[in-house]
Amino acid sequence: MGKKKGTVKKQKQLEKREEAMVEGILEGSPEGIGVVVVRLDCGCRKMAALSEEGEPASKVIMYRDNAESVCDKCKDDQGAFMRVTSQFIHWKEPEPSSEMQEKISLKVMGSSQSTTH
C-alpha cells in the first residue's frame, strides 16, 4: 500500500497506528483544532486535543499499541516528561496560520519543542 497523501510541511508524521486515535480524539472534541502527540521511550503514547487558545479540548489519552493498558513505568509516573522521545501537534485541516501554530506550540510544549520544526 502507498503512503497516504497529506501535508508533511513542518510537522512530524503520524504513524499508521496513531492515525485512528487522533481521528477519534478530534471527532469527540468538536472545538479541537489539533492533537498533541507525545511519544515515550517505553512505546506508550499520550494524546489530547487542543482548542484555538492552546487549552485542552479533551482528556489526556494514554495508550500502548497492541496492549490492554499502558506499561508499568507509565502507571507509576503517568508518562514523565524526562521519558519523552518526541512530541508534536497534528493539526486538523484546514490548519491554523503558521503564527497561530507557533503561538499554540510554544504555549503547549514550551521552547524545547525541537521535534515540531
N, C-alpha and C. Protein backbone atom coordinates (compact mmCIF):
# COMPACT_ATOMS: atom_id res chain seq x y z
N MET A 1 0.83 -1.18 0.00
CA MET A 1 0.00 0.00 0.00
C MET A 1 0.88 1.24 0.00
N GLY A 2 0.43 2.27 -0.68
CA GLY A 2 1.18 3.52 -0.73
C GLY A 2 0.91 4.38 0.49
N LYS A 3 1.75 5.36 0.67
CA LYS A 3 1.56 6.28 1.79
C LYS A 3 0.38 7.19 1.52
N LYS A 4 -0.33 7.53 2.56
CA LYS A 4 -1.47 8.42 2.45
C LYS A 4 -0.97 9.81 2.09
N LYS A 5 -1.60 10.43 1.10
CA LYS A 5 -1.20 11.78 0.72
C LYS A 5 -1.64 12.74 1.80
N GLY A 6 -0.82 13.75 2.04
CA GLY A 6 -1.15 14.73 3.06
C GLY A 6 -0.04 15.74 3.17
N THR A 7 -0.25 16.70 4.01
CA THR A 7 0.72 17.76 4.20
C THR A 7 1.77 17.31 5.20
N VAL A 8 3.02 17.30 4.79
CA VAL A 8 4.09 16.94 5.69
C VAL A 8 4.63 18.21 6.34
N LYS A 9 4.84 19.25 5.54
CA LYS A 9 5.31 20.56 6.00
C LYS A 9 6.29 20.43 7.14
N LYS A 10 6.02 21.18 8.23
CA LYS A 10 6.93 21.23 9.37
C LYS A 10 6.59 20.20 10.43
N GLN A 11 5.45 19.55 10.34
CA GLN A 11 5.04 18.68 11.42
C GLN A 11 5.55 17.26 11.21
N LYS A 12 5.68 16.56 12.28
CA LYS A 12 6.11 15.18 12.25
C LYS A 12 4.93 14.33 11.74
N GLN A 13 5.24 13.27 11.06
CA GLN A 13 4.19 12.40 10.53
C GLN A 13 3.61 11.50 11.61
N LEU A 14 2.32 11.31 11.53
CA LEU A 14 1.68 10.33 12.41
C LEU A 14 2.03 8.94 11.92
N GLU A 15 2.23 8.04 12.86
CA GLU A 15 2.41 6.65 12.50
C GLU A 15 1.02 6.09 12.21
N LYS A 16 0.95 5.06 11.38
CA LYS A 16 -0.34 4.47 10.99
C LYS A 16 -1.22 4.18 12.19
N ARG A 17 -0.63 3.60 13.24
CA ARG A 17 -1.43 3.20 14.40
C ARG A 17 -1.91 4.40 15.21
N GLU A 18 -1.28 5.57 15.03
CA GLU A 18 -1.70 6.77 15.75
C GLU A 18 -2.85 7.48 15.04
N GLU A 19 -2.98 7.27 13.74
CA GLU A 19 -3.99 7.98 12.95
C GLU A 19 -5.40 7.79 13.48
N ALA A 20 -5.78 6.56 13.77
CA ALA A 20 -7.13 6.27 14.24
C ALA A 20 -7.39 6.93 15.60
N MET A 21 -6.39 6.92 16.47
CA MET A 21 -6.54 7.56 17.78
C MET A 21 -6.75 9.07 17.61
N VAL A 22 -5.95 9.70 16.77
CA VAL A 22 -6.06 11.14 16.54
C VAL A 22 -7.42 11.48 15.96
N GLU A 23 -7.86 10.73 14.97
CA GLU A 23 -9.17 10.97 14.36
C GLU A 23 -10.29 10.83 15.39
N GLY A 24 -10.19 9.81 16.24
CA GLY A 24 -11.20 9.60 17.28
C GLY A 24 -11.22 10.73 18.30
N ILE A 25 -10.04 11.21 18.67
CA ILE A 25 -9.96 12.32 19.62
C ILE A 25 -10.57 13.58 19.02
N LEU A 26 -10.24 13.88 17.76
CA LEU A 26 -10.79 15.06 17.11
C LEU A 26 -12.30 14.94 16.92
N GLU A 27 -12.77 13.75 16.59
CA GLU A 27 -14.20 13.53 16.41
C GLU A 27 -14.97 13.78 17.71
N GLY A 28 -14.38 13.41 18.83
CA GLY A 28 -15.02 13.59 20.13
C GLY A 28 -14.78 14.97 20.74
N SER A 29 -14.03 15.81 20.03
CA SER A 29 -13.71 17.15 20.54
C SER A 29 -13.98 18.18 19.45
N PRO A 30 -15.23 18.57 19.26
CA PRO A 30 -15.58 19.47 18.16
C PRO A 30 -14.82 20.79 18.16
N GLU A 31 -14.42 21.28 19.35
CA GLU A 31 -13.67 22.54 19.40
C GLU A 31 -12.17 22.33 19.19
N GLY A 32 -11.73 21.09 19.04
CA GLY A 32 -10.31 20.79 18.86
C GLY A 32 -9.82 21.20 17.47
N ILE A 33 -8.65 21.85 17.44
CA ILE A 33 -8.04 22.25 16.16
C ILE A 33 -6.77 21.44 15.88
N GLY A 34 -6.42 20.59 16.83
CA GLY A 34 -5.23 19.76 16.68
C GLY A 34 -5.11 18.82 17.85
N VAL A 35 -4.18 17.87 17.72
CA VAL A 35 -3.94 16.90 18.78
C VAL A 35 -2.45 16.88 19.10
N VAL A 36 -2.11 17.04 20.37
CA VAL A 36 -0.73 16.90 20.81
C VAL A 36 -0.44 15.41 20.88
N VAL A 37 0.66 14.99 20.28
CA VAL A 37 1.09 13.60 20.31
C VAL A 37 2.44 13.57 21.04
N VAL A 38 2.50 12.81 22.13
CA VAL A 38 3.73 12.67 22.90
C VAL A 38 4.11 11.20 22.89
N ARG A 39 5.29 10.92 22.36
CA ARG A 39 5.79 9.55 22.31
C ARG A 39 6.82 9.36 23.42
N LEU A 40 6.68 8.27 24.16
CA LEU A 40 7.55 8.00 25.30
C LEU A 40 8.54 6.88 24.97
N ASP A 41 9.65 6.83 25.71
CA ASP A 41 10.71 5.86 25.44
C ASP A 41 10.28 4.41 25.63
N CYS A 42 9.17 4.18 26.32
CA CYS A 42 8.68 2.83 26.58
C CYS A 42 7.75 2.34 25.46
N GLY A 43 7.37 3.22 24.54
CA GLY A 43 6.45 2.85 23.47
C GLY A 43 5.03 3.33 23.71
N CYS A 44 4.74 3.81 24.90
CA CYS A 44 3.40 4.35 25.19
C CYS A 44 3.26 5.72 24.54
N ARG A 45 2.01 6.17 24.38
CA ARG A 45 1.70 7.47 23.79
C ARG A 45 0.74 8.22 24.70
N LYS A 46 0.89 9.55 24.69
CA LYS A 46 -0.08 10.44 25.36
C LYS A 46 -0.59 11.38 24.29
N MET A 47 -1.90 11.59 24.26
CA MET A 47 -2.51 12.48 23.27
C MET A 47 -3.65 13.26 23.91
N ALA A 48 -3.87 14.47 23.39
CA ALA A 48 -5.01 15.29 23.82
C ALA A 48 -5.30 16.32 22.75
N ALA A 49 -6.58 16.62 22.56
CA ALA A 49 -6.99 17.67 21.62
C ALA A 49 -6.72 19.03 22.24
N LEU A 50 -6.51 20.03 21.36
CA LEU A 50 -6.26 21.41 21.78
C LEU A 50 -7.29 22.34 21.17
N SER A 51 -7.64 23.38 21.93
CA SER A 51 -8.54 24.41 21.42
C SER A 51 -7.71 25.50 20.74
N GLU A 52 -8.39 26.48 20.13
CA GLU A 52 -7.72 27.61 19.48
C GLU A 52 -6.88 28.42 20.47
N GLU A 53 -7.22 28.35 21.75
CA GLU A 53 -6.49 29.08 22.77
C GLU A 53 -5.29 28.30 23.30
N GLY A 54 -5.10 27.06 22.79
CA GLY A 54 -4.00 26.23 23.28
C GLY A 54 -4.32 25.53 24.59
N GLU A 55 -5.61 25.46 24.89
CA GLU A 55 -6.07 24.79 26.11
C GLU A 55 -6.55 23.38 25.75
N PRO A 56 -6.57 22.46 26.74
CA PRO A 56 -7.06 21.11 26.46
C PRO A 56 -8.51 21.14 25.98
N ALA A 57 -8.80 20.39 24.94
CA ALA A 57 -10.15 20.27 24.41
C ALA A 57 -10.65 18.83 24.56
N SER A 58 -9.87 18.02 25.27
CA SER A 58 -10.25 16.63 25.56
C SER A 58 -9.45 16.18 26.77
N LYS A 59 -9.79 15.01 27.26
CA LYS A 59 -8.98 14.39 28.31
C LYS A 59 -7.67 13.91 27.67
N VAL A 60 -6.65 13.73 28.49
CA VAL A 60 -5.40 13.15 28.01
C VAL A 60 -5.62 11.64 27.89
N ILE A 61 -5.32 11.13 26.72
CA ILE A 61 -5.46 9.70 26.46
C ILE A 61 -4.06 9.08 26.48
N MET A 62 -3.88 8.03 27.28
CA MET A 62 -2.62 7.29 27.27
C MET A 62 -2.92 5.90 26.74
N TYR A 63 -2.07 5.43 25.83
CA TYR A 63 -2.26 4.08 25.32
C TYR A 63 -0.94 3.50 24.86
N ARG A 64 -0.95 2.20 24.65
CA ARG A 64 0.21 1.47 24.13
C ARG A 64 -0.31 0.56 23.03
N ASP A 65 0.34 0.60 21.87
CA ASP A 65 -0.09 -0.23 20.75
C ASP A 65 -0.14 -1.71 21.13
N ASN A 66 -1.19 -2.37 20.69
CA ASN A 66 -1.36 -3.82 20.89
C ASN A 66 -1.28 -4.26 22.35
N ALA A 67 -1.71 -3.40 23.27
CA ALA A 67 -1.69 -3.76 24.69
C ALA A 67 -3.01 -3.35 25.33
N GLU A 68 -3.38 -4.06 26.38
CA GLU A 68 -4.63 -3.74 27.08
C GLU A 68 -4.50 -2.48 27.92
N SER A 69 -3.29 -2.18 28.37
CA SER A 69 -3.09 -0.96 29.16
C SER A 69 -1.66 -0.45 28.95
N VAL A 70 -1.38 0.71 29.51
CA VAL A 70 -0.05 1.28 29.39
C VAL A 70 0.93 0.46 30.23
N CYS A 71 2.22 0.69 30.05
CA CYS A 71 3.25 -0.08 30.75
C CYS A 71 3.31 0.29 32.24
N ASP A 72 4.03 -0.50 33.02
CA ASP A 72 4.15 -0.27 34.45
C ASP A 72 4.84 1.06 34.77
N LYS A 73 5.83 1.45 33.94
CA LYS A 73 6.50 2.74 34.16
C LYS A 73 5.48 3.87 34.08
N CYS A 74 4.63 3.84 33.05
CA CYS A 74 3.62 4.89 32.88
C CYS A 74 2.56 4.85 33.97
N LYS A 75 2.25 3.66 34.45
CA LYS A 75 1.30 3.56 35.56
C LYS A 75 1.89 4.25 36.80
N ASP A 76 3.20 4.15 36.97
CA ASP A 76 3.86 4.75 38.13
C ASP A 76 4.04 6.26 37.99
N ASP A 77 4.50 6.73 36.79
CA ASP A 77 4.84 8.16 36.66
C ASP A 77 3.98 8.94 35.67
N GLN A 78 2.92 8.33 35.15
CA GLN A 78 1.99 8.96 34.19
C GLN A 78 2.71 9.50 32.95
N GLY A 79 3.78 8.86 32.54
CA GLY A 79 4.50 9.28 31.34
C GLY A 79 5.32 10.53 31.59
N ALA A 80 6.27 10.44 32.49
CA ALA A 80 7.09 11.59 32.90
C ALA A 80 7.76 12.27 31.72
N PHE A 81 7.87 13.60 31.80
CA PHE A 81 8.46 14.41 30.73
C PHE A 81 9.86 13.95 30.36
N MET A 82 10.66 13.52 31.34
CA MET A 82 12.03 13.12 31.05
C MET A 82 12.11 11.85 30.19
N ARG A 83 11.00 11.15 30.00
CA ARG A 83 10.98 9.96 29.15
C ARG A 83 10.39 10.22 27.76
N VAL A 84 10.11 11.48 27.44
CA VAL A 84 9.56 11.84 26.14
C VAL A 84 10.64 11.72 25.07
N THR A 85 10.33 11.01 23.99
CA THR A 85 11.29 10.89 22.87
C THR A 85 10.94 11.86 21.75
N SER A 86 9.67 12.16 21.57
CA SER A 86 9.26 13.18 20.60
C SER A 86 7.86 13.66 20.95
N GLN A 87 7.59 14.90 20.51
CA GLN A 87 6.27 15.49 20.73
C GLN A 87 6.00 16.48 19.62
N PHE A 88 4.75 16.54 19.20
CA PHE A 88 4.36 17.45 18.13
C PHE A 88 2.86 17.60 18.15
N ILE A 89 2.38 18.55 17.37
CA ILE A 89 0.94 18.75 17.23
C ILE A 89 0.54 18.36 15.82
N HIS A 90 -0.45 17.50 15.73
CA HIS A 90 -1.05 17.15 14.44
C HIS A 90 -2.24 18.07 14.26
N TRP A 91 -2.17 18.97 13.28
CA TRP A 91 -3.22 19.98 13.08
C TRP A 91 -4.35 19.44 12.23
N LYS A 92 -5.55 19.82 12.60
CA LYS A 92 -6.76 19.49 11.84
C LYS A 92 -6.81 20.37 10.60
N GLU A 93 -7.32 19.83 9.50
CA GLU A 93 -7.49 20.61 8.26
C GLU A 93 -8.77 21.42 8.36
N PRO A 94 -8.83 22.65 7.92
CA PRO A 94 -7.69 23.44 7.45
C PRO A 94 -6.83 23.87 8.64
N GLU A 95 -5.52 23.81 8.46
CA GLU A 95 -4.59 24.14 9.53
C GLU A 95 -4.67 25.63 9.88
N PRO A 96 -4.46 25.96 11.15
CA PRO A 96 -4.41 27.37 11.53
C PRO A 96 -3.18 28.03 10.89
N SER A 97 -3.14 29.35 10.90
CA SER A 97 -2.00 30.07 10.34
C SER A 97 -0.72 29.64 11.04
N SER A 98 0.41 29.83 10.37
CA SER A 98 1.69 29.43 10.97
C SER A 98 1.96 30.22 12.25
N GLU A 99 1.49 31.47 12.31
CA GLU A 99 1.67 32.28 13.52
C GLU A 99 0.89 31.66 14.68
N MET A 100 -0.36 31.25 14.41
CA MET A 100 -1.18 30.64 15.45
C MET A 100 -0.58 29.29 15.87
N GLN A 101 -0.09 28.52 14.91
CA GLN A 101 0.54 27.24 15.22
C GLN A 101 1.73 27.45 16.16
N GLU A 102 2.56 28.44 15.84
CA GLU A 102 3.74 28.73 16.65
C GLU A 102 3.34 29.15 18.07
N LYS A 103 2.35 30.02 18.18
CA LYS A 103 1.87 30.51 19.47
C LYS A 103 1.35 29.35 20.33
N ILE A 104 0.52 28.49 19.73
CA ILE A 104 -0.05 27.36 20.46
C ILE A 104 1.04 26.36 20.83
N SER A 105 1.95 26.07 19.89
CA SER A 105 3.03 25.13 20.16
C SER A 105 3.89 25.60 21.33
N LEU A 106 4.20 26.88 21.34
CA LEU A 106 5.02 27.44 22.41
C LEU A 106 4.29 27.33 23.76
N LYS A 107 3.00 27.60 23.76
CA LYS A 107 2.21 27.53 24.99
C LYS A 107 2.12 26.09 25.51
N VAL A 108 1.91 25.15 24.59
CA VAL A 108 1.68 23.76 24.97
C VAL A 108 2.97 23.01 25.29
N MET A 109 3.99 23.19 24.45
CA MET A 109 5.21 22.40 24.59
C MET A 109 6.43 23.19 25.04
N GLY A 110 6.30 24.49 25.16
CA GLY A 110 7.44 25.31 25.59
C GLY A 110 8.46 25.49 24.50
N SER A 111 9.60 26.00 24.88
CA SER A 111 10.64 26.32 23.89
C SER A 111 11.49 25.13 23.51
N SER A 112 11.32 24.00 24.18
CA SER A 112 12.13 22.81 23.86
C SER A 112 11.40 21.89 22.90
N GLN A 113 10.69 22.45 21.95
CA GLN A 113 9.86 21.69 21.01
C GLN A 113 10.63 21.32 19.75
N SER A 114 11.81 20.77 19.90
CA SER A 114 12.69 20.51 18.77
C SER A 114 12.07 19.62 17.71
N THR A 115 11.08 18.81 18.03
CA THR A 115 10.51 17.91 17.04
C THR A 115 9.35 18.53 16.27
N THR A 116 9.05 19.80 16.48
CA THR A 116 7.92 20.40 15.77
C THR A 116 8.37 21.18 14.55
N HIS A 117 9.65 21.44 14.39
CA HIS A 117 10.14 22.20 13.24
C HIS A 117 11.13 21.42 12.44
